[in-house]
Amino acid sequence: MPDVKLEIQMLHDRVMLRVSPEEGERRSSGGIVIPATAQVARRLAWGDVVGAGTSVRHVKVGDRVLFNPEDPLEVEVQGQAYLVMRERDLHAVATERTEHGTGLYL
């Protein structure tokens, strides 16, 4: 039987995220270099939405979202790791629209 590829459709209020790769070392606003190995307590992470269920209302595929990396479940699809979580566990959506934002930009 040939290798059949199946499309993944998220259900209900679930979203599937591709985690943004760690940039390695980063620089604080004061200019201090923070190595990639430094542990930061409860740091939130950015990811890209690659799938959204039918009940998801505030994000869509392609959005960049902020989430707690300790909350979601991890799944591997064709060798690529993704995270699955509920929409309500997302903290923010990065968007080019400025109607209701914080005035901060990535």
PDB file of N, CA and C in Angstrom:
ATOM      1  N   MET A   1       0.847  -1.180   0.000  1.00  0.00           N
ATOM      2  CA  MET A   1       0.000   0.000   0.000  1.00  0.00           C
ATOM      3  C   MET A   1       0.891   1.241   0.000  1.00  0.00           C
ATOM      4  N   PRO A   2       0.633   2.203  -0.874  1.00  0.00           N
ATOM      5  CA  PRO A   2       1.458   3.424  -0.921  1.00  0.00           C
ATOM      6  C   PRO A   2       1.312   4.245   0.353  1.00  0.00           C
ATOM      7  N   ASP A   3       2.322   5.069   0.620  1.00  0.00           N
ATOM      8  CA  ASP A   3       2.315   5.929   1.798  1.00  0.00           C
ATOM      9  C   ASP A   3       1.285   7.041   1.598  1.00  0.00           C
ATOM     10  N   VAL A   4       0.191   6.992   2.353  1.00  0.00           N
ATOM     11  CA  VAL A   4      -0.897   7.962   2.227  1.00  0.00           C
ATOM     12  C   VAL A   4      -0.678   9.085   3.233  1.00  0.00           C
ATOM     13  N   LYS A   5      -0.755  10.336   2.788  1.00  0.00           N
ATOM     14  CA  LYS A   5      -0.620  11.480   3.688  1.00  0.00           C
ATOM     15  C   LYS A   5      -2.008  11.971   4.055  1.00  0.00           C
ATOM     16  N   LEU A   6      -2.225  12.199   5.333  1.00  0.00           N
ATOM     17  CA  LEU A   6      -3.517  12.637   5.826  1.00  0.00           C
ATOM     18  C   LEU A   6      -3.427  14.083   6.305  1.00  0.00           C
ATOM     19  N   GLU A   7      -4.448  14.855   6.016  1.00  0.00           N
ATOM     20  CA  GLU A   7      -4.509  16.245   6.471  1.00  0.00           C
ATOM     21  C   GLU A   7      -4.954  16.267   7.928  1.00  0.00           C
ATOM     22  N   ILE A   8      -4.348  17.125   8.715  1.00  0.00           N
ATOM     23  CA  ILE A   8      -4.709  17.255  10.122  1.00  0.00           C
ATOM     24  C   ILE A   8      -5.664  18.419  10.274  1.00  0.00           C
ATOM     25  N   GLN A   9      -6.806  18.163  10.899  1.00  0.00           N
ATOM     26  CA  GLN A   9      -7.791  19.215  11.163  1.00  0.00           C
ATOM     27  C   GLN A   9      -7.977  19.295  12.675  1.00  0.00           C
ATOM     28  N   MET A  10      -7.716  20.455  13.248  1.00  0.00           N
ATOM     29  CA  MET A  10      -7.853  20.639  14.690  1.00  0.00           C
ATOM     30  C   MET A  10      -9.339  20.704  15.050  1.00  0.00           C
ATOM     31  N   LEU A  11      -9.673  20.230  16.232  1.00  0.00           N
ATOM     32  CA  LEU A  11     -11.058  20.198  16.682  1.00  0.00           C
ATOM     33  C   LEU A  11     -11.316  21.245  17.759  1.00  0.00           C
ATOM     34  N   HIS A  12     -12.545  21.692  17.837  1.00  0.00           N
ATOM     35  CA  HIS A  12     -13.061  22.568  18.891  1.00  0.00           C
ATOM     36  C   HIS A  12     -12.210  23.816  19.082  1.00  0.00           C
ATOM     37  N   ASP A  13     -11.681  24.038  20.295  1.00  0.00           N
ATOM     38  CA  ASP A  13     -10.922  25.265  20.586  1.00  0.00           C
ATOM     39  C   ASP A  13      -9.415  25.018  20.622  1.00  0.00           C
ATOM     40  N   ARG A  14      -8.959  23.984  19.949  1.00  0.00           N
ATOM     41  CA  ARG A  14      -7.537  23.645  19.959  1.00  0.00           C
ATOM     42  C   ARG A  14      -6.787  24.370  18.846  1.00  0.00           C
ATOM     43  N   VAL A  15      -5.539  24.739  19.146  1.00  0.00           N
ATOM     44  CA  VAL A  15      -4.647  25.321  18.148  1.00  0.00           C
ATOM     45  C   VAL A  15      -3.359  24.509  18.120  1.00  0.00           C
ATOM     46  N   MET A  16      -2.749  24.432  16.953  1.00  0.00           N
ATOM     47  CA  MET A  16      -1.467  23.749  16.792  1.00  0.00           C
ATOM     48  C   MET A  16      -0.436  24.811  16.459  1.00  0.00           C
ATOM     49  N   LEU A  17       0.684  24.784  17.185  1.00  0.00           N
ATOM     50  CA  LEU A  17       1.722  25.797  17.033  1.00  0.00           C
ATOM     51  C   LEU A  17       3.037  25.178  16.607  1.00  0.00           C
ATOM     52  N   ARG A  18       3.763  25.916  15.784  1.00  0.00           N
ATOM     53  CA  ARG A  18       5.151  25.581  15.500  1.00  0.00           C
ATOM     54  C   ARG A  18       5.969  26.540  16.347  1.00  0.00           C
ATOM     55  N   VAL A  19       6.803  26.002  17.198  1.00  0.00           N
ATOM     56  CA  VAL A  19       7.572  26.833  18.119  1.00  0.00           C
ATOM     57  C   VAL A  19       8.683  27.535  17.364  1.00  0.00           C
ATOM     58  N   SER A  20       8.818  28.821  17.629  1.00  0.00           N
ATOM     59  CA  SER A  20       9.904  29.591  17.032  1.00  0.00           C
ATOM     60  C   SER A  20      11.219  29.079  17.611  1.00  0.00           C
ATOM     61  N   PRO A  21      12.217  28.879  16.762  1.00  0.00           N
ATOM     62  CA  PRO A  21      13.499  28.393  17.269  1.00  0.00           C
ATOM     63  C   PRO A  21      14.133  29.420  18.198  1.00  0.00           C
ATOM     64  N   GLU A  22      14.812  28.927  19.197  1.00  0.00           N
ATOM     65  CA  GLU A  22      15.498  29.820  20.134  1.00  0.00           C
ATOM     66  C   GLU A  22      16.599  30.574  19.403  1.00  0.00           C
ATOM     67  N   GLU A  23      16.696  31.844  19.668  1.00  0.00           N
ATOM     68  CA  GLU A  23      17.707  32.661  19.014  1.00  0.00           C
ATOM     69  C   GLU A  23      19.084  32.470  19.631  1.00  0.00           C
ATOM     70  N   GLY A  24      19.195  31.640  20.659  1.00  0.00           N
ATOM     71  CA  GLY A  24      20.472  31.469  21.334  1.00  0.00           C
ATOM     72  C   GLY A  24      20.668  32.586  22.340  1.00  0.00           C
ATOM     73  N   GLU A  25      21.840  33.158  22.358  1.00  0.00           N
ATOM     74  CA  GLU A  25      22.059  34.238  23.318  1.00  0.00           C
ATOM     75  C   GLU A  25      21.291  35.479  22.900  1.00  0.00           C
ATOM     76  N   ARG A  26      20.885  36.236  23.888  1.00  0.00           N
ATOM     77  CA  ARG A  26      20.132  37.455  23.625  1.00  0.00           C
ATOM     78  C   ARG A  26      20.740  38.590  24.435  1.00  0.00           C
ATOM     79  N   ARG A  27      20.310  39.799  24.144  1.00  0.00           N
ATOM     80  CA  ARG A  27      20.865  40.976  24.797  1.00  0.00           C
ATOM     81  C   ARG A  27      19.752  41.700  25.540  1.00  0.00           C
ATOM     82  N   SER A  28      20.004  42.059  26.786  1.00  0.00           N
ATOM     83  CA  SER A  28      19.019  42.802  27.572  1.00  0.00           C
ATOM     84  C   SER A  28      18.956  44.241  27.080  1.00  0.00           C
ATOM     85  N   SER A  29      17.949  44.969  27.532  1.00  0.00           N
ATOM     86  CA  SER A  29      17.814  46.361  27.108  1.00  0.00           C
ATOM     87  C   SER A  29      18.987  47.211  27.599  1.00  0.00           C
ATOM     88  N   GLY A  30      19.652  46.771  28.653  1.00  0.00           N
ATOM     89  CA  GLY A  30      20.809  47.492  29.167  1.00  0.00           C
ATOM     90  C   GLY A  30      22.107  47.104  28.488  1.00  0.00           C
ATOM     91  N   GLY A  31      22.051  46.146  27.543  1.00  0.00           N
ATOM     92  CA  GLY A  31      23.241  45.758  26.798  1.00  0.00           C
ATOM     93  C   GLY A  31      23.946  44.532  27.342  1.00  0.00           C
ATOM     94  N   ILE A  32      23.413  43.906  28.385  1.00  0.00           N
ATOM     95  CA  ILE A  32      24.044  42.721  28.960  1.00  0.00           C
ATOM     96  C   ILE A  32      23.725  41.513  28.086  1.00  0.00           C
ATOM     97  N   VAL A  33      24.751  40.719  27.744  1.00  0.00           N
ATOM     98  CA  VAL A  33      24.554  39.515  26.935  1.00  0.00           C
ATOM     99  C   VAL A  33      24.135  38.378  27.853  1.00  0.00           C
ATOM    100  N   ILE A  34      22.989  37.754  27.526  1.00  0.00           N
ATOM    101  CA  ILE A  34      22.462  36.632  28.302  1.00  0.00           C
ATOM    102  C   ILE A  34      22.661  35.374  27.474  1.00  0.00           C
ATOM    103  N   PRO A  35      23.480  34.398  27.942  1.00  0.00           N
ATOM    104  CA  PRO A  35      23.740  33.196  27.150  1.00  0.00           C
ATOM    105  C   PRO A  35      22.493  32.329  27.002  1.00  0.00           C
ATOM    106  N   ALA A  36      22.479  31.511  25.951  1.00  0.00           N
ATOM    107  CA  ALA A  36      21.330  30.644  25.671  1.00  0.00           C
ATOM    108  C   ALA A  36      21.118  29.618  26.777  1.00  0.00           C
ATOM    109  N   THR A  37      22.168  29.300  27.516  1.00  0.00           N
ATOM    110  CA  THR A  37      22.059  28.282  28.569  1.00  0.00           C
ATOM    111  C   THR A  37      21.485  28.834  29.866  1.00  0.00           C
ATOM    112  N   ALA A  38      21.325  30.154  29.971  1.00  0.00           N
ATOM    113  CA  ALA A  38      20.796  30.761  31.196  1.00  0.00           C
ATOM    114  C   ALA A  38      19.326  30.403  31.352  1.00  0.00           C
ATOM    115  N   GLN A  39      18.948  29.983  32.544  1.00  0.00           N
ATOM    116  CA  GLN A  39      17.564  29.638  32.833  1.00  0.00           C
ATOM    117  C   GLN A  39      16.828  30.873  33.342  1.00  0.00           C
ATOM    118  N   VAL A  40      15.714  31.186  32.710  1.00  0.00           N
ATOM    119  CA  VAL A  40      14.895  32.307  33.126  1.00  0.00           C
ATOM    120  C   VAL A  40      13.584  31.728  33.637  1.00  0.00           C
ATOM    121  N   ALA A  41      13.210  32.086  34.835  1.00  0.00           N
ATOM    122  CA  ALA A  41      12.006  31.522  35.447  1.00  0.00           C
ATOM    123  C   ALA A  41      10.756  31.954  34.688  1.00  0.00           C
ATOM    124  N   ARG A  42       9.943  30.995  34.329  1.00  0.00           N
ATOM    125  CA  ARG A  42       8.622  31.218  33.745  1.00  0.00           C
ATOM    126  C   ARG A  42       8.630  32.203  32.579  1.00  0.00           C
ATOM    127  N   ARG A  43       9.470  31.947  31.620  1.00  0.00           N
ATOM    128  CA  ARG A  43       9.562  32.799  30.437  1.00  0.00           C
ATOM    129  C   ARG A  43       8.558  32.320  29.390  1.00  0.00           C
ATOM    130  N   LEU A  44       7.787  33.242  28.841  1.00  0.00           N
ATOM    131  CA  LEU A  44       6.831  32.914  27.793  1.00  0.00           C
ATOM    132  C   LEU A  44       7.564  32.793  26.456  1.00  0.00           C
ATOM    133  N   ALA A  45       6.960  32.097  25.506  1.00  0.00           N
ATOM    134  CA  ALA A  45       7.593  31.861  24.207  1.00  0.00           C
ATOM    135  C   ALA A  45       6.651  32.259  23.077  1.00  0.00           C
ATOM    136  N   TRP A  46       7.224  32.509  21.904  1.00  0.00           N
ATOM    137  CA  TRP A  46       6.451  32.838  20.707  1.00  0.00           C
ATOM    138  C   TRP A  46       6.365  31.623  19.812  1.00  0.00           C
ATOM    139  N   GLY A  47       5.243  31.489  19.132  1.00  0.00           N
ATOM    140  CA  GLY A  47       5.057  30.403  18.177  1.00  0.00           C
ATOM    141  C   GLY A  47       4.134  30.853  17.059  1.00  0.00           C
ATOM    142  N   ASP A  48       4.111  30.072  15.983  1.00  0.00           N
ATOM    143  CA  ASP A  48       3.277  30.384  14.822  1.00  0.00           C
ATOM    144  C   ASP A  48       2.132  29.383  14.742  1.00  0.00           C
ATOM    145  N   VAL A  49       0.919  29.875  14.551  1.00  0.00           N
ATOM    146  CA  VAL A  49      -0.254  29.012  14.459  1.00  0.00           C
ATOM    147  C   VAL A  49      -0.256  28.327  13.099  1.00  0.00           C
ATOM    148  N   VAL A  50      -0.296  26.980  13.108  1.00  0.00           N
ATOM    149  CA  VAL A  50      -0.337  26.218  11.860  1.00  0.00           C
ATOM    150  C   VAL A  50      -1.660  25.487  11.695  1.00  0.00           C
ATOM    151  N   GLY A  51      -2.489  25.490  12.740  1.00  0.00           N
ATOM    152  CA  GLY A  51      -3.801  24.864  12.655  1.00  0.00           C
ATOM    153  C   GLY A  51      -4.704  25.415  13.736  1.00  0.00           C
ATOM    154  N   ALA A  52      -5.998  25.557  13.430  1.00  0.00           N
ATOM    155  CA  ALA A  52      -6.959  26.085  14.398  1.00  0.00           C
ATOM    156  C   ALA A  52      -8.283  25.339  14.247  1.00  0.00           C
ATOM    157  N   GLY A  53      -8.888  25.002  15.382  1.00  0.00           N
ATOM    158  CA  GLY A  53     -10.161  24.305  15.381  1.00  0.00           C
ATOM    159  C   GLY A  53     -11.321  25.210  14.995  1.00  0.00           C
ATOM    160  N   THR A  54     -12.484  24.611  14.839  1.00  0.00           N
ATOM    161  CA  THR A  54     -13.661  25.350  14.378  1.00  0.00           C
ATOM    162  C   THR A  54     -14.194  26.333  15.413  1.00  0.00           C
ATOM    163  N   SER A  55     -13.902  26.133  16.698  1.00  0.00           N
ATOM    164  CA  SER A  55     -14.392  27.036  17.743  1.00  0.00           C
ATOM    165  C   SER A  55     -13.394  28.125  18.114  1.00  0.00           C
ATOM    166  N   VAL A  56     -12.247  28.159  17.468  1.00  0.00           N
ATOM    167  CA  VAL A  56     -11.234  29.186  17.746  1.00  0.00           C
ATOM    168  C   VAL A  56     -11.718  30.499  17.140  1.00  0.00           C
ATOM    169  N   ARG A  57     -11.739  31.563  17.972  1.00  0.00           N
ATOM    170  CA  ARG A  57     -12.321  32.828  17.525  1.00  0.00           C
ATOM    171  C   ARG A  57     -11.320  33.954  17.325  1.00  0.00           C
ATOM    172  N   HIS A  58     -10.204  33.955  18.049  1.00  0.00           N
ATOM    173  CA  HIS A  58      -9.336  35.133  18.052  1.00  0.00           C
ATOM    174  C   HIS A  58      -8.018  34.969  17.308  1.00  0.00           C
ATOM    175  N   VAL A  59      -7.664  33.770  16.913  1.00  0.00           N
ATOM    176  CA  VAL A  59      -6.425  33.569  16.159  1.00  0.00           C
ATOM    177  C   VAL A  59      -6.741  32.799  14.883  1.00  0.00           C
ATOM    178  N   LYS A  60      -5.848  32.923  13.920  1.00  0.00           N
ATOM    179  CA  LYS A  60      -6.012  32.186  12.667  1.00  0.00           C
ATOM    180  C   LYS A  60      -4.644  31.655  12.251  1.00  0.00           C
ATOM    181  N   VAL A  61      -4.655  30.753  11.295  1.00  0.00           N
ATOM    182  CA  VAL A  61      -3.409  30.173  10.800  1.00  0.00           C
ATOM    183  C   VAL A  61      -2.518  31.296  10.278  1.00  0.00           C
ATOM    184  N   GLY A  62      -1.265  31.257  10.684  1.00  0.00           N
ATOM    185  CA  GLY A  62      -0.302  32.280  10.278  1.00  0.00           C
ATOM    186  C   GLY A  62      -0.034  33.318  11.351  1.00  0.00           C
ATOM    187  N   ASP A  63      -0.903  33.411  12.374  1.00  0.00           N
ATOM    188  CA  ASP A  63      -0.684  34.376  13.459  1.00  0.00           C
ATOM    189  C   ASP A  63       0.503  33.954  14.320  1.00  0.00           C
ATOM    190  N   ARG A  64       1.162  34.920  14.893  1.00  0.00           N
ATOM    191  CA  ARG A  64       2.255  34.686  15.848  1.00  0.00           C
ATOM    192  C   ARG A  64       1.678  34.937  17.233  1.00  0.00           C
ATOM    193  N   VAL A  65       1.806  33.939  18.135  1.00  0.00           N
ATOM    194  CA  VAL A  65       1.166  34.021  19.442  1.00  0.00           C
ATOM    195  C   VAL A  65       2.168  33.804  20.572  1.00  0.00           C
ATOM    196  N   LEU A  66       1.815  34.341  21.731  1.00  0.00           N
ATOM    197  CA  LEU A  66       2.617  34.224  22.938  1.00  0.00           C
ATOM    198  C   LEU A  66       1.954  33.209  23.861  1.00  0.00           C
ATOM    199  N   PHE A  67       2.732  32.266  24.397  1.00  0.00           N
ATOM    200  CA  PHE A  67       2.175  31.212  25.239  1.00  0.00           C
ATOM    201  C   PHE A  67       3.199  30.759  26.266  1.00  0.00           C
ATOM    202  N   ASN A  68       2.730  30.012  27.249  1.00  0.00           N
ATOM    203  CA  ASN A  68       3.598  29.432  28.266  1.00  0.00           C
ATOM    204  C   ASN A  68       4.073  28.076  27.765  1.00  0.00           C
ATOM    205  N   PRO A  69       5.376  27.890  27.534  1.00  0.00           N
ATOM    206  CA  PRO A  69       5.858  26.627  26.966  1.00  0.00           C
ATOM    207  C   PRO A  69       5.717  25.432  27.910  1.00  0.00           C
ATOM    208  N   GLU A  70       5.357  25.662  29.165  1.00  0.00           N
ATOM    209  CA  GLU A  70       5.170  24.553  30.104  1.00  0.00           C
ATOM    210  C   GLU A  70       3.767  23.970  30.038  1.00  0.00           C
ATOM    211  N   ASP A  71       2.810  24.666  29.406  1.00  0.00           N
ATOM    212  CA  ASP A  71       1.415  24.230  29.375  1.00  0.00           C
ATOM    213  C   ASP A  71       1.049  23.227  28.278  1.00  0.00           C
ATOM    214  N   PRO A  72       1.542  23.373  27.043  1.00  0.00           N
ATOM    215  CA  PRO A  72       0.975  22.593  25.948  1.00  0.00           C
ATOM    216  C   PRO A  72       1.471  21.151  25.885  1.00  0.00           C
ATOM    217  N   LEU A  73       0.813  20.390  25.038  1.00  0.00           N
ATOM    218  CA  LEU A  73       1.204  19.025  24.735  1.00  0.00           C
ATOM    219  C   LEU A  73       1.985  19.037  23.426  1.00  0.00           C
ATOM    220  N   GLU A  74       2.967  18.173  23.321  1.00  0.00           N
ATOM    221  CA  GLU A  74       3.799  18.141  22.128  1.00  0.00           C
ATOM    222  C   GLU A  74       3.417  16.948  21.265  1.00  0.00           C
ATOM    223  N   VAL A  75       3.426  17.152  19.956  1.00  0.00           N
ATOM    224  CA  VAL A  75       3.153  16.084  19.005  1.00  0.00           C
ATOM    225  C   VAL A  75       4.162  16.187  17.870  1.00  0.00           C
ATOM    226  N   GLU A  76       4.554  15.047  17.311  1.00  0.00           N
ATOM    227  CA  GLU A  76       5.493  15.049  16.202  1.00  0.00           C
ATOM    228  C   GLU A  76       4.769  14.591  14.946  1.00  0.00           C
ATOM    229  N   VAL A  77       4.886  15.376  13.888  1.00  0.00           N
ATOM    230  CA  VAL A  77       4.279  15.051  12.600  1.00  0.00           C
ATOM    231  C   VAL A  77       5.378  15.100  11.548  1.00  0.00           C
ATOM    232  N   GLN A  78       5.648  13.971  10.921  1.00  0.00           N
ATOM    233  CA  GLN A  78       6.677  13.844   9.893  1.00  0.00           C
ATOM    234  C   GLN A  78       8.015  14.421  10.343  1.00  0.00           C
ATOM    235  N   GLY A  79       8.409  14.117  11.565  1.00  0.00           N
ATOM    236  CA  GLY A  79       9.701  14.543  12.089  1.00  0.00           C
ATOM    237  C   GLY A  79       9.751  15.969  12.607  1.00  0.00           C
ATOM    238  N   GLN A  80       8.672  16.722  12.504  1.00  0.00           N
ATOM    239  CA  GLN A  80       8.612  18.110  12.977  1.00  0.00           C
ATOM    240  C   GLN A  80       7.792  18.162  14.263  1.00  0.00           C
ATOM    241  N   ALA A  81       8.305  18.834  15.291  1.00  0.00           N
ATOM    242  CA  ALA A  81       7.597  18.942  16.571  1.00  0.00           C
ATOM    243  C   ALA A  81       6.632  20.127  16.550  1.00  0.00           C
ATOM    244  N   TYR A  82       5.419  19.890  17.030  1.00  0.00           N
ATOM    245  CA  TYR A  82       4.386  20.919  17.150  1.00  0.00           C
ATOM    246  C   TYR A  82       3.814  20.870  18.553  1.00  0.00           C
ATOM    247  N   LEU A  83       3.168  21.943  18.974  1.00  0.00           N
ATOM    248  CA  LEU A  83       2.501  21.995  20.263  1.00  0.00           C
ATOM    249  C   LEU A  83       1.006  22.138  20.032  1.00  0.00           C
ATOM    250  N   VAL A  84       0.214  21.487  20.887  1.00  0.00           N
ATOM    251  CA  VAL A  84      -1.243  21.578  20.817  1.00  0.00           C
ATOM    252  C   VAL A  84      -1.735  22.129  22.138  1.00  0.00           C
ATOM    253  N   MET A  85      -2.591  23.145  22.070  1.00  0.00           N
ATOM    254  CA  MET A  85      -3.128  23.747  23.289  1.00  0.00           C
ATOM    255  C   MET A  85      -4.486  24.373  23.010  1.00  0.00           C
ATOM    256  N   ARG A  86      -5.170  24.771  24.071  1.00  0.00           N
ATOM    257  CA  ARG A  86      -6.452  25.454  23.933  1.00  0.00           C
ATOM    258  C   ARG A  86      -6.205  26.931  23.618  1.00  0.00           C
ATOM    259  N   GLU A  87      -7.150  27.530  22.906  1.00  0.00           N
ATOM    260  CA  GLU A  87      -7.028  28.948  22.568  1.00  0.00           C
ATOM    261  C   GLU A  87      -6.961  29.806  23.825  1.00  0.00           C
ATOM    262  N   ARG A  88      -7.688  29.450  24.862  1.00  0.00           N
ATOM    263  CA  ARG A  88      -7.721  30.267  26.081  1.00  0.00           C
ATOM    264  C   ARG A  88      -6.379  30.290  26.811  1.00  0.00           C
ATOM    265  N   ASP A  89      -5.453  29.369  26.475  1.00  0.00           N
ATOM    266  CA  ASP A  89      -4.138  29.343  27.105  1.00  0.00           C
ATOM    267  C   ASP A  89      -3.122  30.233  26.397  1.00  0.00           C
ATOM    268  N   LEU A  90      -3.534  30.880  25.315  1.00  0.00           N
ATOM    269  CA  LEU A  90      -2.657  31.828  24.620  1.00  0.00           C
ATOM    270  C   LEU A  90      -2.726  33.168  25.340  1.00  0.00           C
ATOM    271  N   HIS A  91      -1.614  33.871  25.404  1.00  0.00           N
ATOM    272  CA  HIS A  91      -1.552  35.139  26.137  1.00  0.00           C
ATOM    273  C   HIS A  91      -1.666  36.368  25.244  1.00  0.00           C
ATOM    274  N   ALA A  92      -1.203  36.281  23.985  1.00  0.00           N
ATOM    275  CA  ALA A  92      -1.233  37.448  23.098  1.00  0.00           C
ATOM    276  C   ALA A  92      -1.086  36.997  21.661  1.00  0.00           C
ATOM    277  N   VAL A  93      -1.532  37.868  20.750  1.00  0.00           N
ATOM    278  CA  VAL A  93      -1.372  37.644  19.316  1.00  0.00           C
ATOM    279  C   VAL A  93      -0.626  38.852  18.750  1.00  0.00           C
ATOM    280  N   ALA A  94       0.451  38.601  18.031  1.00  0.00           N
ATOM    281  CA  ALA A  94       1.190  39.685  17.379  1.00  0.00           C
ATOM    282  C   ALA A  94       0.542  39.938  16.029  1.00  0.00           C
ATOM    283  N   THR A  95       0.197  41.180  15.760  1.00  0.00           N
ATOM    284  CA  THR A  95      -0.504  41.525  14.531  1.00  0.00           C
ATOM    285  C   THR A  95      -0.053  42.884  14.032  1.00  0.00           C
ATOM    286  N   GLU A  96      -0.278  43.132  12.770  1.00  0.00           N
ATOM    287  CA  GLU A  96       0.057  44.442  12.198  1.00  0.00           C
ATOM    288  C   GLU A  96      -1.051  45.445  12.446  1.00  0.00           C
ATOM    289  N   ARG A  97      -2.230  44.975  12.804  1.00  0.00           N
ATOM    290  CA  ARG A  97      -3.350  45.872  13.097  1.00  0.00           C
ATOM    291  C   ARG A  97      -3.081  46.627  14.395  1.00  0.00           C
ATOM    292  N   THR A  98      -3.445  47.889  14.464  1.00  0.00           N
ATOM    293  CA  THR A  98      -3.143  48.700  15.642  1.00  0.00           C
ATOM    294  C   THR A  98      -4.384  49.203  16.368  1.00  0.00           C
ATOM    295  N   GLU A  99      -5.557  48.646  16.093  1.00  0.00           N
ATOM    296  CA  GLU A  99      -6.775  49.187  16.686  1.00  0.00           C
ATOM    297  C   GLU A  99      -6.909  48.940  18.194  1.00  0.00           C
ATOM    298  N   HIS A 100      -6.417  47.821  18.708  1.00  0.00           N
ATOM    299  CA  HIS A 100      -6.579  47.531  20.134  1.00  0.00           C
ATOM    300  C   HIS A 100      -5.285  47.046  20.769  1.00  0.00           C
ATOM    301  N   GLY A 101      -4.160  47.399  20.243  1.00  0.00           N
ATOM    302  CA  GLY A 101      -2.887  46.868  20.717  1.00  0.00           C
ATOM    303  C   GLY A 101      -2.311  47.626  21.894  1.00  0.00           C
ATOM    304  N   THR A 102      -1.109  47.237  22.282  1.00  0.00           N
ATOM    305  CA  THR A 102      -0.423  47.843  23.419  1.00  0.00           C
ATOM    306  C   THR A 102       0.474  48.994  22.981  1.00  0.00           C
ATOM    307  N   GLY A 103       0.718  49.106  21.677  1.00  0.00           N
ATOM    308  CA  GLY A 103       1.666  50.115  21.191  1.00  0.00           C
ATOM    309  C   GLY A 103       3.070  49.575  21.142  1.00  0.00           C
ATOM    310  N   LEU A 104       3.258  48.300  21.538  1.00  0.00           N
ATOM    311  CA  LEU A 104       4.572  47.652  21.471  1.00  0.00           C
ATOM    312  C   LEU A 104       4.668  46.858  20.188  1.00  0.00           C
ATOM    313  N   TYR A 105       5.845  46.752  19.619  1.00  0.00           N
ATOM    314  CA  TYR A 105       6.042  46.052  18.356  1.00  0.00           C
ATOM    315  C   TYR A 105       7.184  45.068  18.491  1.00  0.00           C
ATOM    316  N   LEU A 106       7.116  43.965  17.730  1.00  0.00           N
ATOM    317  CA  LEU A 106       8.200  42.982  17.708  1.00  0.00           C
ATOM    318  C   LEU A 106       9.287  43.433  16.768  1.00  0.00           C
TER     319      LEU A 106
END
